[in-house]
N, C-alpha and C. Protein backbone atom coordinates (compact mmCIF):
# COMPACT_ATOMS: atom_id res chain seq x y z
N MET A 1 -43.29 -66.73 -14.19
CA MET A 1 -43.66 -65.36 -13.93
C MET A 1 -43.36 -64.98 -12.49
N ILE A 2 -43.62 -65.89 -11.55
CA ILE A 2 -43.38 -65.62 -10.14
C ILE A 2 -41.88 -65.50 -9.90
N CYS A 3 -41.07 -66.28 -10.57
CA CYS A 3 -39.61 -66.22 -10.40
C CYS A 3 -39.07 -64.85 -10.82
N ARG A 4 -39.58 -64.35 -11.93
CA ARG A 4 -39.12 -63.04 -12.41
C ARG A 4 -39.49 -61.96 -11.40
N HIS A 5 -40.69 -62.03 -10.83
CA HIS A 5 -41.15 -61.06 -9.84
C HIS A 5 -40.28 -61.11 -8.59
N ARG A 6 -39.91 -62.31 -8.12
CA ARG A 6 -39.04 -62.45 -6.95
C ARG A 6 -37.65 -61.87 -7.25
N TYR A 7 -37.15 -62.13 -8.45
CA TYR A 7 -35.85 -61.62 -8.85
C TYR A 7 -35.83 -60.09 -8.81
N VAL A 8 -36.83 -59.44 -9.37
CA VAL A 8 -36.94 -57.98 -9.38
C VAL A 8 -37.05 -57.46 -7.96
N THR A 9 -37.83 -58.12 -7.11
CA THR A 9 -38.00 -57.70 -5.72
C THR A 9 -36.68 -57.79 -4.97
N ILE A 10 -35.96 -58.87 -5.15
CA ILE A 10 -34.68 -59.05 -4.46
C ILE A 10 -33.68 -57.98 -4.92
N ILE A 11 -33.63 -57.71 -6.20
CA ILE A 11 -32.73 -56.67 -6.73
C ILE A 11 -33.11 -55.31 -6.14
N ALA A 12 -34.38 -55.01 -6.08
CA ALA A 12 -34.83 -53.73 -5.53
C ALA A 12 -34.45 -53.61 -4.06
N ILE A 13 -34.62 -54.67 -3.28
CA ILE A 13 -34.26 -54.65 -1.86
C ILE A 13 -32.76 -54.45 -1.70
N LEU A 14 -31.96 -55.14 -2.49
CA LEU A 14 -30.51 -55.00 -2.41
C LEU A 14 -30.07 -53.58 -2.79
N THR A 15 -30.69 -53.00 -3.80
CA THR A 15 -30.35 -51.65 -4.23
C THR A 15 -30.67 -50.63 -3.15
N VAL A 16 -31.85 -50.73 -2.56
CA VAL A 16 -32.24 -49.81 -1.48
C VAL A 16 -31.32 -50.00 -0.29
N SER A 17 -31.00 -51.22 0.04
CA SER A 17 -30.12 -51.50 1.18
C SER A 17 -28.73 -50.91 0.95
N LEU A 18 -28.20 -51.08 -0.24
CA LEU A 18 -26.88 -50.53 -0.57
C LEU A 18 -26.89 -49.00 -0.50
N ALA A 19 -27.94 -48.38 -1.04
CA ALA A 19 -28.06 -46.92 -0.99
C ALA A 19 -28.12 -46.42 0.44
N MET A 20 -28.81 -47.11 1.31
CA MET A 20 -28.91 -46.70 2.72
C MET A 20 -27.55 -46.81 3.41
N HIS A 21 -26.79 -47.84 3.07
CA HIS A 21 -25.45 -47.99 3.66
C HIS A 21 -24.51 -46.89 3.18
N VAL A 22 -24.58 -46.56 1.90
CA VAL A 22 -23.74 -45.50 1.36
C VAL A 22 -24.08 -44.17 2.02
N LEU A 23 -25.34 -43.86 2.18
CA LEU A 23 -25.74 -42.61 2.83
C LEU A 23 -25.32 -42.58 4.28
N ALA A 24 -25.36 -43.72 4.95
CA ALA A 24 -24.96 -43.79 6.36
C ALA A 24 -23.45 -43.58 6.51
N LEU A 25 -22.66 -43.90 5.47
CA LEU A 25 -21.21 -43.76 5.54
C LEU A 25 -20.73 -42.38 5.10
N THR A 26 -21.60 -41.53 4.59
CA THR A 26 -21.24 -40.20 4.14
C THR A 26 -20.85 -39.35 5.35
N PRO A 27 -19.69 -38.69 5.32
CA PRO A 27 -19.28 -37.86 6.46
C PRO A 27 -20.27 -36.74 6.74
N ALA A 28 -20.34 -36.34 7.98
CA ALA A 28 -21.29 -35.30 8.40
C ALA A 28 -21.03 -33.98 7.69
N TRP A 29 -19.75 -33.64 7.40
CA TRP A 29 -19.44 -32.35 6.78
C TRP A 29 -19.86 -32.29 5.33
N ALA A 30 -20.12 -33.45 4.70
CA ALA A 30 -20.44 -33.44 3.27
C ALA A 30 -21.72 -32.68 2.97
N ASP A 31 -22.66 -32.67 3.91
CA ASP A 31 -23.90 -31.93 3.70
C ASP A 31 -23.65 -30.43 3.67
N SER A 32 -22.62 -29.94 4.37
CA SER A 32 -22.39 -28.50 4.44
C SER A 32 -21.30 -28.03 3.46
N LEU A 33 -20.59 -28.95 2.84
CA LEU A 33 -19.53 -28.58 1.91
C LEU A 33 -20.13 -28.09 0.60
N LYS A 34 -19.77 -26.88 0.21
CA LYS A 34 -20.24 -26.29 -1.04
C LYS A 34 -19.03 -25.92 -1.88
N ILE A 35 -19.16 -26.02 -3.17
CA ILE A 35 -18.08 -25.65 -4.07
C ILE A 35 -18.12 -24.14 -4.27
N SER A 36 -16.98 -23.48 -4.00
CA SER A 36 -16.89 -22.04 -4.18
C SER A 36 -16.46 -21.76 -5.60
N GLN A 37 -17.15 -20.88 -6.25
CA GLN A 37 -16.81 -20.54 -7.63
C GLN A 37 -15.68 -19.52 -7.71
N GLN A 38 -15.53 -18.67 -6.67
CA GLN A 38 -14.57 -17.59 -6.76
C GLN A 38 -14.18 -17.08 -5.38
N LEU A 39 -12.90 -16.82 -5.18
CA LEU A 39 -12.42 -16.10 -4.01
C LEU A 39 -12.36 -14.63 -4.37
N THR A 40 -12.72 -13.79 -3.43
CA THR A 40 -12.71 -12.35 -3.67
C THR A 40 -11.87 -11.67 -2.60
N ILE A 41 -11.13 -10.64 -2.99
CA ILE A 41 -10.29 -9.88 -2.06
C ILE A 41 -11.03 -8.61 -1.66
N TYR A 42 -11.00 -8.32 -0.34
CA TYR A 42 -11.64 -7.12 0.20
C TYR A 42 -10.62 -6.36 1.04
N ASP A 43 -10.81 -5.04 1.14
CA ASP A 43 -9.94 -4.25 2.02
C ASP A 43 -10.57 -4.18 3.41
N SER A 44 -9.94 -3.43 4.31
CA SER A 44 -10.39 -3.38 5.71
C SER A 44 -11.74 -2.70 5.88
N LEU A 45 -12.18 -1.96 4.88
CA LEU A 45 -13.49 -1.29 4.95
C LEU A 45 -14.59 -2.12 4.28
N GLY A 46 -14.22 -3.29 3.76
CA GLY A 46 -15.19 -4.14 3.08
C GLY A 46 -15.34 -3.82 1.61
N THR A 47 -14.49 -2.93 1.09
CA THR A 47 -14.53 -2.60 -0.33
C THR A 47 -13.95 -3.76 -1.13
N LYS A 48 -14.66 -4.17 -2.17
CA LYS A 48 -14.16 -5.25 -3.02
C LYS A 48 -12.96 -4.75 -3.81
N VAL A 49 -11.82 -5.44 -3.63
CA VAL A 49 -10.60 -5.13 -4.37
C VAL A 49 -10.65 -5.81 -5.74
N GLY A 50 -11.05 -7.07 -5.74
CA GLY A 50 -11.15 -7.81 -7.00
C GLY A 50 -11.26 -9.29 -6.74
N ASP A 51 -11.56 -10.04 -7.78
CA ASP A 51 -11.60 -11.48 -7.69
C ASP A 51 -10.20 -12.04 -7.85
N VAL A 52 -9.91 -13.11 -7.12
CA VAL A 52 -8.61 -13.77 -7.24
C VAL A 52 -8.55 -14.43 -8.61
N SER A 53 -7.54 -14.07 -9.39
CA SER A 53 -7.41 -14.65 -10.72
C SER A 53 -6.41 -15.80 -10.75
N ASP A 54 -5.54 -15.86 -9.74
CA ASP A 54 -4.52 -16.90 -9.68
C ASP A 54 -3.83 -16.78 -8.33
N THR A 55 -3.01 -17.75 -7.99
CA THR A 55 -2.16 -17.65 -6.80
C THR A 55 -0.76 -18.08 -7.18
N SER A 56 0.22 -17.49 -6.50
CA SER A 56 1.61 -17.86 -6.73
C SER A 56 1.91 -19.12 -5.95
N GLN A 57 3.13 -19.60 -6.05
CA GLN A 57 3.53 -20.80 -5.31
C GLN A 57 3.45 -20.57 -3.81
N ALA A 58 3.55 -19.34 -3.37
CA ALA A 58 3.48 -19.02 -1.94
C ALA A 58 2.04 -18.70 -1.52
N SER A 59 1.08 -19.06 -2.35
CA SER A 59 -0.35 -18.82 -2.10
C SER A 59 -0.68 -17.34 -1.98
N LEU A 60 0.05 -16.52 -2.71
CA LEU A 60 -0.27 -15.09 -2.77
C LEU A 60 -1.24 -14.87 -3.92
N PRO A 61 -2.41 -14.30 -3.64
CA PRO A 61 -3.39 -14.12 -4.70
C PRO A 61 -3.02 -12.98 -5.64
N THR A 62 -3.38 -13.13 -6.89
CA THR A 62 -3.27 -12.05 -7.85
C THR A 62 -4.67 -11.64 -8.26
N ALA A 63 -4.82 -10.36 -8.53
CA ALA A 63 -6.10 -9.84 -8.98
C ALA A 63 -5.86 -9.07 -10.27
N THR A 64 -6.83 -9.09 -11.14
CA THR A 64 -6.76 -8.41 -12.43
C THR A 64 -7.44 -7.05 -12.31
N PHE A 65 -6.79 -6.03 -12.85
CA PHE A 65 -7.32 -4.67 -12.82
C PHE A 65 -7.32 -4.10 -14.23
N ARG A 66 -8.05 -3.01 -14.40
CA ARG A 66 -8.06 -2.32 -15.68
C ARG A 66 -8.18 -0.82 -15.42
N VAL A 67 -7.33 -0.07 -16.08
CA VAL A 67 -7.42 1.39 -16.10
C VAL A 67 -7.50 1.76 -17.58
N GLY A 68 -8.66 2.24 -18.01
CA GLY A 68 -8.86 2.48 -19.44
C GLY A 68 -8.75 1.16 -20.18
N ASP A 69 -7.91 1.11 -21.19
CA ASP A 69 -7.68 -0.12 -21.94
C ASP A 69 -6.50 -0.93 -21.41
N PHE A 70 -5.86 -0.43 -20.35
CA PHE A 70 -4.66 -1.07 -19.81
C PHE A 70 -5.07 -2.09 -18.75
N LYS A 71 -4.90 -3.38 -19.06
CA LYS A 71 -5.23 -4.46 -18.11
C LYS A 71 -3.93 -4.98 -17.51
N PHE A 72 -3.97 -5.26 -16.20
CA PHE A 72 -2.75 -5.71 -15.53
C PHE A 72 -3.09 -6.55 -14.30
N LEU A 73 -2.09 -7.29 -13.84
CA LEU A 73 -2.20 -8.12 -12.64
C LEU A 73 -1.38 -7.51 -11.52
N LEU A 74 -1.89 -7.62 -10.30
CA LEU A 74 -1.12 -7.26 -9.11
C LEU A 74 -1.19 -8.40 -8.12
N ILE A 75 -0.09 -8.64 -7.44
CA ILE A 75 -0.07 -9.61 -6.35
C ILE A 75 -0.55 -8.87 -5.10
N VAL A 76 -1.40 -9.51 -4.31
CA VAL A 76 -1.97 -8.86 -3.13
C VAL A 76 -1.40 -9.52 -1.87
N TYR A 77 -0.66 -8.73 -1.11
CA TYR A 77 -0.19 -9.14 0.21
C TYR A 77 -1.20 -8.63 1.23
N LYS A 78 -1.02 -9.00 2.48
CA LYS A 78 -1.95 -8.56 3.52
C LYS A 78 -1.96 -7.04 3.66
N MET A 79 -0.80 -6.38 3.53
CA MET A 79 -0.72 -4.94 3.77
C MET A 79 -0.37 -4.12 2.53
N THR A 80 -0.11 -4.75 1.40
CA THR A 80 0.29 -3.99 0.22
C THR A 80 0.04 -4.77 -1.05
N PHE A 81 0.18 -4.10 -2.16
CA PHE A 81 0.13 -4.73 -3.48
C PHE A 81 1.55 -4.83 -4.01
N LEU A 82 1.74 -5.69 -4.97
CA LEU A 82 3.05 -5.90 -5.56
C LEU A 82 2.89 -6.00 -7.06
N GLY A 83 3.71 -5.26 -7.81
CA GLY A 83 3.69 -5.36 -9.27
C GLY A 83 4.44 -6.60 -9.72
N ASN A 84 4.47 -6.84 -11.02
CA ASN A 84 5.14 -8.04 -11.53
C ASN A 84 6.51 -7.78 -12.13
N SER A 85 7.01 -6.54 -12.01
CA SER A 85 8.28 -6.23 -12.68
C SER A 85 9.50 -6.24 -11.75
N GLY A 86 9.30 -5.89 -10.51
CA GLY A 86 10.44 -5.77 -9.59
C GLY A 86 11.30 -4.55 -9.87
N SER A 87 10.84 -3.65 -10.71
CA SER A 87 11.63 -2.49 -11.11
C SER A 87 11.32 -1.28 -10.23
N ASP A 88 12.38 -0.54 -9.87
CA ASP A 88 12.18 0.78 -9.28
C ASP A 88 11.65 1.70 -10.38
N ILE A 89 11.21 2.89 -9.97
CA ILE A 89 10.81 3.91 -10.93
C ILE A 89 11.97 4.91 -11.01
N TYR A 90 12.53 5.07 -12.19
CA TYR A 90 13.73 5.88 -12.38
C TYR A 90 13.41 7.20 -13.08
N PHE A 91 14.24 8.20 -12.78
CA PHE A 91 14.09 9.52 -13.37
C PHE A 91 15.46 10.03 -13.80
N GLU A 92 15.48 10.82 -14.85
CA GLU A 92 16.74 11.44 -15.28
C GLU A 92 17.04 12.67 -14.43
N SER A 93 16.05 13.17 -13.70
CA SER A 93 16.25 14.31 -12.81
C SER A 93 16.85 13.82 -11.49
N THR A 94 17.25 14.77 -10.63
CA THR A 94 17.82 14.41 -9.33
C THR A 94 16.77 14.40 -8.21
N ASP A 95 15.49 14.75 -8.54
CA ASP A 95 14.47 14.86 -7.49
C ASP A 95 13.19 14.06 -7.80
N CYS A 96 13.31 13.01 -8.58
CA CYS A 96 12.17 12.14 -8.93
C CYS A 96 11.04 12.90 -9.63
N SER A 97 11.41 13.87 -10.44
CA SER A 97 10.42 14.60 -11.23
C SER A 97 10.70 14.33 -12.70
N GLY A 98 9.74 14.66 -13.52
CA GLY A 98 9.91 14.45 -14.95
C GLY A 98 9.35 13.10 -15.39
N THR A 99 9.86 12.62 -16.50
CA THR A 99 9.37 11.37 -17.08
C THR A 99 9.82 10.17 -16.24
N PRO A 100 8.87 9.33 -15.79
CA PRO A 100 9.25 8.12 -15.06
C PRO A 100 9.62 6.99 -16.03
N TYR A 101 10.59 6.18 -15.62
CA TYR A 101 11.03 5.02 -16.41
C TYR A 101 11.04 3.79 -15.53
N MET A 102 10.85 2.65 -16.16
CA MET A 102 11.04 1.36 -15.51
C MET A 102 12.07 0.59 -16.31
N ARG A 103 12.69 -0.38 -15.66
CA ARG A 103 13.57 -1.29 -16.38
C ARG A 103 12.70 -2.22 -17.20
N GLY A 104 13.01 -2.38 -18.46
CA GLY A 104 12.24 -3.28 -19.33
C GLY A 104 12.51 -4.72 -18.98
N LEU A 105 11.49 -5.51 -18.96
CA LEU A 105 11.65 -6.94 -18.72
C LEU A 105 11.90 -7.65 -20.03
N SER A 106 11.84 -8.92 -19.99
CA SER A 106 12.06 -9.72 -21.19
C SER A 106 11.15 -9.27 -22.32
N GLU A 107 11.70 -9.26 -23.51
CA GLU A 107 10.86 -8.89 -24.65
C GLU A 107 9.91 -10.00 -25.04
N PHE A 108 9.94 -11.10 -24.30
CA PHE A 108 9.02 -12.21 -24.56
C PHE A 108 7.76 -12.13 -23.69
N MET A 109 7.67 -11.10 -22.84
CA MET A 109 6.49 -10.94 -21.99
C MET A 109 5.25 -10.68 -22.83
N ILE A 110 4.12 -11.23 -22.38
CA ILE A 110 2.87 -10.93 -23.06
C ILE A 110 1.95 -10.10 -22.17
N LEU A 111 2.23 -10.04 -20.87
CA LEU A 111 1.45 -9.21 -19.96
C LEU A 111 2.16 -7.88 -19.75
N PRO A 112 1.41 -6.81 -19.55
CA PRO A 112 2.05 -5.53 -19.23
C PRO A 112 2.82 -5.63 -17.91
N ALA A 113 3.97 -4.98 -17.85
CA ALA A 113 4.75 -4.95 -16.62
C ALA A 113 4.21 -3.86 -15.71
N THR A 114 4.24 -4.12 -14.39
CA THR A 114 3.78 -3.13 -13.42
C THR A 114 4.76 -3.03 -12.27
N SER A 115 4.80 -1.85 -11.68
CA SER A 115 5.58 -1.61 -10.47
C SER A 115 4.78 -0.63 -9.62
N ILE A 116 4.98 -0.66 -8.32
CA ILE A 116 4.24 0.22 -7.42
C ILE A 116 5.24 1.04 -6.62
N ALA A 117 4.99 2.34 -6.51
CA ALA A 117 5.87 3.24 -5.76
C ALA A 117 5.03 4.29 -5.07
N LEU A 118 5.61 4.91 -4.06
CA LEU A 118 4.95 6.01 -3.38
C LEU A 118 5.22 7.29 -4.15
N PRO A 119 4.50 8.33 -3.93
CA PRO A 119 3.38 8.45 -3.00
C PRO A 119 2.11 7.81 -3.56
N GLY A 120 1.21 7.43 -2.67
CA GLY A 120 -0.10 6.95 -3.06
C GLY A 120 -0.16 5.51 -3.51
N ASN A 121 0.93 4.75 -3.34
CA ASN A 121 0.96 3.39 -3.89
C ASN A 121 0.56 3.44 -5.37
N THR A 122 1.26 4.28 -6.10
CA THR A 122 0.97 4.49 -7.51
C THR A 122 1.40 3.28 -8.32
N VAL A 123 0.49 2.78 -9.14
CA VAL A 123 0.82 1.69 -10.06
C VAL A 123 1.37 2.32 -11.34
N TYR A 124 2.58 1.93 -11.70
CA TYR A 124 3.20 2.33 -12.95
C TYR A 124 3.22 1.10 -13.84
N GLY A 125 3.05 1.31 -15.13
CA GLY A 125 3.09 0.18 -16.04
C GLY A 125 3.54 0.58 -17.41
N PHE A 126 3.81 -0.44 -18.20
CA PHE A 126 4.08 -0.20 -19.62
C PHE A 126 3.63 -1.43 -20.39
N PRO A 127 3.13 -1.21 -21.60
CA PRO A 127 2.71 -2.34 -22.42
C PRO A 127 3.89 -3.24 -22.76
N ALA A 128 3.60 -4.51 -22.95
CA ALA A 128 4.65 -5.50 -23.23
C ALA A 128 5.44 -5.17 -24.50
N ASP A 129 4.83 -4.45 -25.44
CA ASP A 129 5.51 -4.14 -26.70
C ASP A 129 6.18 -2.75 -26.71
N SER A 130 6.45 -2.20 -25.52
CA SER A 130 7.07 -0.87 -25.43
C SER A 130 8.48 -0.87 -25.99
N THR A 131 8.89 0.30 -26.48
CA THR A 131 10.24 0.47 -27.02
C THR A 131 11.21 0.76 -25.89
N ARG A 132 12.34 0.08 -25.91
CA ARG A 132 13.37 0.29 -24.90
C ARG A 132 14.37 1.34 -25.38
N SER A 133 14.89 2.12 -24.42
CA SER A 133 15.87 3.14 -24.77
C SER A 133 16.93 3.20 -23.68
N THR A 134 17.97 3.99 -23.91
CA THR A 134 19.05 4.15 -22.94
C THR A 134 18.86 5.47 -22.21
N ILE A 135 18.92 5.41 -20.87
CA ILE A 135 18.85 6.63 -20.05
C ILE A 135 19.91 6.53 -18.96
N THR A 136 20.25 7.69 -18.41
CA THR A 136 21.06 7.74 -17.19
C THR A 136 20.15 8.29 -16.10
N ALA A 137 19.89 7.45 -15.11
CA ALA A 137 18.99 7.84 -14.01
C ALA A 137 19.81 8.51 -12.92
N HIS A 138 19.25 9.61 -12.38
CA HIS A 138 19.90 10.34 -11.29
C HIS A 138 19.08 10.26 -10.00
N SER A 139 17.86 9.71 -10.09
CA SER A 139 17.04 9.51 -8.89
C SER A 139 16.05 8.37 -9.17
N HIS A 140 15.51 7.81 -8.08
CA HIS A 140 14.55 6.72 -8.25
C HIS A 140 13.63 6.61 -7.04
N LEU A 141 12.44 6.05 -7.27
CA LEU A 141 11.50 5.67 -6.22
C LEU A 141 11.60 4.16 -6.10
N PRO A 142 11.88 3.66 -4.90
CA PRO A 142 12.05 2.22 -4.74
C PRO A 142 10.76 1.45 -5.03
N TYR A 143 10.95 0.30 -5.62
CA TYR A 143 9.87 -0.66 -5.86
C TYR A 143 9.28 -1.05 -4.51
N ILE A 144 7.97 -0.98 -4.37
CA ILE A 144 7.33 -1.35 -3.11
C ILE A 144 7.08 -2.85 -3.12
N GLY A 145 7.58 -3.48 -2.09
CA GLY A 145 7.35 -4.91 -1.88
C GLY A 145 7.19 -5.16 -0.40
N PRO A 146 7.03 -6.42 -0.03
CA PRO A 146 6.80 -6.72 1.38
C PRO A 146 7.99 -6.39 2.28
N ASP A 147 9.18 -6.27 1.69
CA ASP A 147 10.38 -5.99 2.48
C ASP A 147 10.94 -4.60 2.22
N THR A 148 10.16 -3.71 1.65
CA THR A 148 10.63 -2.36 1.34
C THR A 148 10.98 -1.61 2.62
N VAL A 149 12.20 -1.06 2.65
CA VAL A 149 12.65 -0.33 3.83
C VAL A 149 12.41 1.16 3.65
N SER A 150 12.81 1.71 2.51
CA SER A 150 12.65 3.13 2.27
C SER A 150 11.79 3.34 1.03
N THR A 151 10.92 4.33 1.12
CA THR A 151 10.06 4.62 -0.02
C THR A 151 10.27 6.04 -0.55
N ALA A 152 11.23 6.75 0.01
CA ALA A 152 11.48 8.13 -0.39
C ALA A 152 12.32 8.18 -1.66
N CYS A 153 12.24 9.29 -2.35
CA CYS A 153 13.07 9.52 -3.52
C CYS A 153 14.53 9.45 -3.10
N ALA A 154 15.32 8.73 -3.87
CA ALA A 154 16.73 8.56 -3.53
C ALA A 154 17.58 8.83 -4.77
N GLY A 155 18.78 9.32 -4.53
CA GLY A 155 19.70 9.56 -5.63
C GLY A 155 20.30 8.25 -6.12
N THR A 156 20.66 8.25 -7.39
CA THR A 156 21.33 7.09 -7.99
C THR A 156 22.11 7.59 -9.19
N GLU A 157 22.98 6.82 -9.67
CA GLU A 157 23.75 7.16 -10.87
C GLU A 157 23.89 5.86 -11.67
N GLU A 158 22.86 5.57 -12.47
CA GLU A 158 22.84 4.31 -13.21
C GLU A 158 22.42 4.57 -14.65
N THR A 159 23.07 3.87 -15.56
CA THR A 159 22.70 3.93 -16.97
C THR A 159 22.09 2.60 -17.37
N PHE A 160 20.93 2.67 -18.04
CA PHE A 160 20.23 1.47 -18.48
C PHE A 160 20.00 1.53 -19.97
N ASP A 161 20.13 0.41 -20.63
CA ASP A 161 19.80 0.36 -22.05
C ASP A 161 18.45 -0.33 -22.28
N ASP A 162 17.75 -0.63 -21.19
CA ASP A 162 16.45 -1.29 -21.30
C ASP A 162 15.35 -0.47 -20.63
N ALA A 163 15.54 0.86 -20.59
CA ALA A 163 14.55 1.72 -19.94
C ALA A 163 13.31 1.88 -20.82
N VAL A 164 12.16 1.88 -20.16
CA VAL A 164 10.88 2.05 -20.84
C VAL A 164 10.11 3.13 -20.11
N ILE A 165 9.45 4.01 -20.84
CA ILE A 165 8.65 5.05 -20.19
C ILE A 165 7.53 4.38 -19.40
N ALA A 166 7.46 4.72 -18.10
CA ALA A 166 6.45 4.14 -17.21
C ALA A 166 5.23 5.06 -17.17
N ILE A 167 4.08 4.48 -17.31
CA ILE A 167 2.83 5.24 -17.29
C ILE A 167 2.23 5.16 -15.89
N PRO A 168 2.06 6.31 -15.18
CA PRO A 168 1.38 6.25 -13.89
C PRO A 168 -0.12 5.97 -14.13
N LEU A 169 -0.58 4.85 -13.64
CA LEU A 169 -1.94 4.40 -13.95
C LEU A 169 -2.97 4.80 -12.91
N VAL A 170 -2.67 4.56 -11.63
CA VAL A 170 -3.66 4.80 -10.58
C VAL A 170 -2.96 4.82 -9.23
N ASN A 171 -3.49 5.64 -8.31
CA ASN A 171 -3.02 5.63 -6.93
C ASN A 171 -3.94 4.70 -6.14
N LEU A 172 -3.42 3.58 -5.70
CA LEU A 172 -4.25 2.59 -5.00
C LEU A 172 -4.78 3.12 -3.68
N ASP A 173 -4.04 4.04 -3.04
CA ASP A 173 -4.51 4.61 -1.76
C ASP A 173 -5.82 5.37 -1.92
N ASP A 174 -6.13 5.80 -3.14
CA ASP A 174 -7.40 6.50 -3.38
C ASP A 174 -8.59 5.54 -3.35
N TYR A 175 -8.33 4.24 -3.40
CA TYR A 175 -9.40 3.26 -3.52
C TYR A 175 -9.48 2.24 -2.38
N PHE A 176 -8.33 1.85 -1.82
CA PHE A 176 -8.31 0.72 -0.88
C PHE A 176 -7.53 1.05 0.39
N VAL A 177 -7.95 0.40 1.49
CA VAL A 177 -7.31 0.57 2.80
C VAL A 177 -6.92 -0.81 3.32
N PRO A 178 -5.62 -1.06 3.53
CA PRO A 178 -5.21 -2.37 4.07
C PRO A 178 -5.64 -2.50 5.54
N PRO A 179 -5.64 -3.70 6.07
CA PRO A 179 -5.19 -4.97 5.49
C PRO A 179 -6.24 -5.56 4.56
N TYR A 180 -5.75 -6.48 3.71
CA TYR A 180 -6.59 -7.13 2.72
C TYR A 180 -6.87 -8.56 3.16
N ILE A 181 -8.05 -9.06 2.81
CA ILE A 181 -8.41 -10.44 3.11
C ILE A 181 -9.06 -11.06 1.87
N ALA A 182 -8.98 -12.37 1.77
CA ALA A 182 -9.66 -13.10 0.70
C ALA A 182 -10.75 -13.95 1.35
N ARG A 183 -11.92 -13.90 0.77
CA ARG A 183 -13.02 -14.77 1.26
C ARG A 183 -13.91 -15.16 0.12
């Protein structure tokens, strides 16, 4: 009986000793390290832009938005937003008036395509299942991206067989003021 008691005591001492050594080896920052559940994007006024839903290979965050039933993703740069289509906004008129069109992306897309153009950093989009048609564009608003040089209406003479009617969804300037930060 005494042997069993000594064995239990020795095991208890070794366990406590090992635990104390492990705690002593824990880095000082481990006590302050917390797991973050979500990164959130804010504008310069502290207005919440949205939660980060993903990041690109260049660590550019994307945020999910909704206008009515239309859900879409935008890439957020420090000073601007970026759509996922890379398409200018085209018009059959010579002065960027009338029905706006975007170039249709792959018919295998499952997310709605978006593009952003001035004035107002307007988000244009179309559902992934939109019908493509042929148009001759006589003017266009350039796609806004980090390297956009001109944002004014410009003349063009291009015919596309993958044009899709672009729906103006929202003017981002009505809601957010750059620069944007994630925290």
